[in-house]
Amino acid sequence: MESKMEKPLTKKEAAEYYSIHYKTFEKLVNKFQITYHLCGKRKRFYKSDLDAYLHKNRRIAIDT
């Protein structure tokens, strides 16, 4: 969820937050896997949305 105090991130900043290359992040966005908000024509990302994506798609390692 978007917070009034939360600063929106650019694509580059969001990719850095995930510690991945911005092209990899762009692929996730283009597949509609990452939530974004439009500010004019520019896509902006909130950390809370990025955290929600990570939580939803986390995998638990199981010792075998």
C-alpha atoms as a PDB file:
ATOM      1  CA  MET A   1       0.000   0.000   0.000  1.00  0.00           C
ATOM      2  CA  GLU A   2       1.093   3.500  -0.769  1.00  0.00           C
ATOM      3  CA  SER A   3       1.966   5.730   2.181  1.00  0.00           C
ATOM      4  CA  LYS A   4       1.683   9.515   2.058  1.00  0.00           C
ATOM      5  CA  MET A   5       5.172   9.796   3.534  1.00  0.00           C
ATOM      6  CA  GLU A   6       6.711   7.260   1.193  1.00  0.00           C
ATOM      7  CA  LYS A   7       8.818   8.708  -1.635  1.00  0.00           C
ATOM      8  CA  PRO A   8       8.220   7.059  -5.009  1.00  0.00           C
ATOM      9  CA  LEU A   9      11.270   5.435  -6.593  1.00  0.00           C
ATOM     10  CA  THR A  10      12.398   5.560 -10.191  1.00  0.00           C
ATOM     11  CA  LYS A  11      12.979   2.323 -12.101  1.00  0.00           C
ATOM     12  CA  LYS A  12      16.713   2.618 -11.487  1.00  0.00           C
ATOM     13  CA  GLU A  13      16.246   3.238  -7.756  1.00  0.00           C
ATOM     14  CA  ALA A  14      13.811   0.325  -7.473  1.00  0.00           C
ATOM     15  CA  ALA A  15      16.266  -1.996  -9.255  1.00  0.00           C
ATOM     16  CA  GLU A  16      18.991  -0.876  -6.844  1.00  0.00           C
ATOM     17  CA  TYR A  17      16.631  -1.576  -3.922  1.00  0.00           C
ATOM     18  CA  TYR A  18      16.297  -5.158  -5.228  1.00  0.00           C
ATOM     19  CA  SER A  19      20.047  -5.316  -5.999  1.00  0.00           C
ATOM     20  CA  ILE A  20      19.389  -6.366  -9.575  1.00  0.00           C
ATOM     21  CA  HIS A  21      20.234  -4.849 -12.951  1.00  0.00           C
ATOM     22  CA  TYR A  22      17.664  -2.322 -14.145  1.00  0.00           C
ATOM     23  CA  LYS A  23      17.046  -4.348 -17.338  1.00  0.00           C
ATOM     24  CA  THR A  24      16.086  -7.373 -15.235  1.00  0.00           C
ATOM     25  CA  PHE A  25      13.777  -5.165 -13.181  1.00  0.00           C
ATOM     26  CA  GLU A  26      12.307  -3.744 -16.392  1.00  0.00           C
ATOM     27  CA  LYS A  27      11.455  -7.289 -17.560  1.00  0.00           C
ATOM     28  CA  LEU A  28       9.511  -7.917 -14.342  1.00  0.00           C
ATOM     29  CA  VAL A  29       7.632  -4.647 -14.813  1.00  0.00           C
ATOM     30  CA  ASN A  30       6.844  -5.416 -18.457  1.00  0.00           C
ATOM     31  CA  LYS A  31       5.429  -8.803 -17.421  1.00  0.00           C
ATOM     32  CA  PHE A  32       3.116  -6.923 -15.002  1.00  0.00           C
ATOM     33  CA  GLN A  33       4.670  -8.715 -12.030  1.00  0.00           C
ATOM     34  CA  ILE A  34       5.707  -5.508 -10.261  1.00  0.00           C
ATOM     35  CA  THR A  35       3.107  -2.912  -9.280  1.00  0.00           C
ATOM     36  CA  TYR A  36       3.818   0.607 -10.492  1.00  0.00           C
ATOM     37  CA  HIS A  37       2.092   3.980 -10.459  1.00  0.00           C
ATOM     38  CA  LEU A  38       2.074   6.402 -13.353  1.00  0.00           C
ATOM     39  CA  CYS A  39       3.205   9.957 -12.769  1.00  0.00           C
ATOM     40  CA  GLY A  40       2.400  11.430 -16.151  1.00  0.00           C
ATOM     41  CA  LYS A  41       4.088   8.980 -18.512  1.00  0.00           C
ATOM     42  CA  ARG A  42       6.702   7.858 -15.997  1.00  0.00           C
ATOM     43  CA  LYS A  43       6.446   4.728 -13.883  1.00  0.00           C
ATOM     44  CA  ARG A  44       7.125   5.098 -10.180  1.00  0.00           C
ATOM     45  CA  PHE A  45       7.483   2.421  -7.536  1.00  0.00           C
ATOM     46  CA  TYR A  46       6.849   2.343  -3.798  1.00  0.00           C
ATOM     47  CA  LYS A  47       8.995   0.302  -1.433  1.00  0.00           C
ATOM     48  CA  SER A  48       5.876  -1.109   0.183  1.00  0.00           C
ATOM     49  CA  ASP A  49       4.764  -2.513  -3.207  1.00  0.00           C
ATOM     50  CA  LEU A  50       8.257  -3.892  -3.854  1.00  0.00           C
ATOM     51  CA  ASP A  51       8.315  -5.518  -0.413  1.00  0.00           C
ATOM     52  CA  ALA A  52       4.862  -7.014  -1.026  1.00  0.00           C
ATOM     53  CA  TYR A  53       6.102  -8.558  -4.301  1.00  0.00           C
ATOM     54  CA  LEU A  54       9.110 -10.089  -2.521  1.00  0.00           C
ATOM     55  CA  HIS A  55       6.918 -11.448   0.264  1.00  0.00           C
ATOM     56  CA  LYS A  56       4.424 -12.912  -2.197  1.00  0.00           C
ATOM     57  CA  ASN A  57       7.129 -14.599  -4.285  1.00  0.00           C
ATOM     58  CA  ARG A  58       9.532 -15.762  -1.612  1.00  0.00           C
ATOM     59  CA  ARG A  59      10.573 -19.365  -1.528  1.00  0.00           C
ATOM     60  CA  ILE A  60      11.583 -21.224   1.566  1.00  0.00           C
ATOM     61  CA  ALA A  61      14.731 -23.330   1.349  1.00  0.00           C
ATOM     62  CA  ILE A  62      14.230 -26.873   2.587  1.00  0.00           C
ATOM     63  CA  ASP A  63      17.157 -28.945   3.779  1.00  0.00           C
ATOM     64  CA  THR A  64      17.191 -32.352   2.132  1.00  0.00           C
END
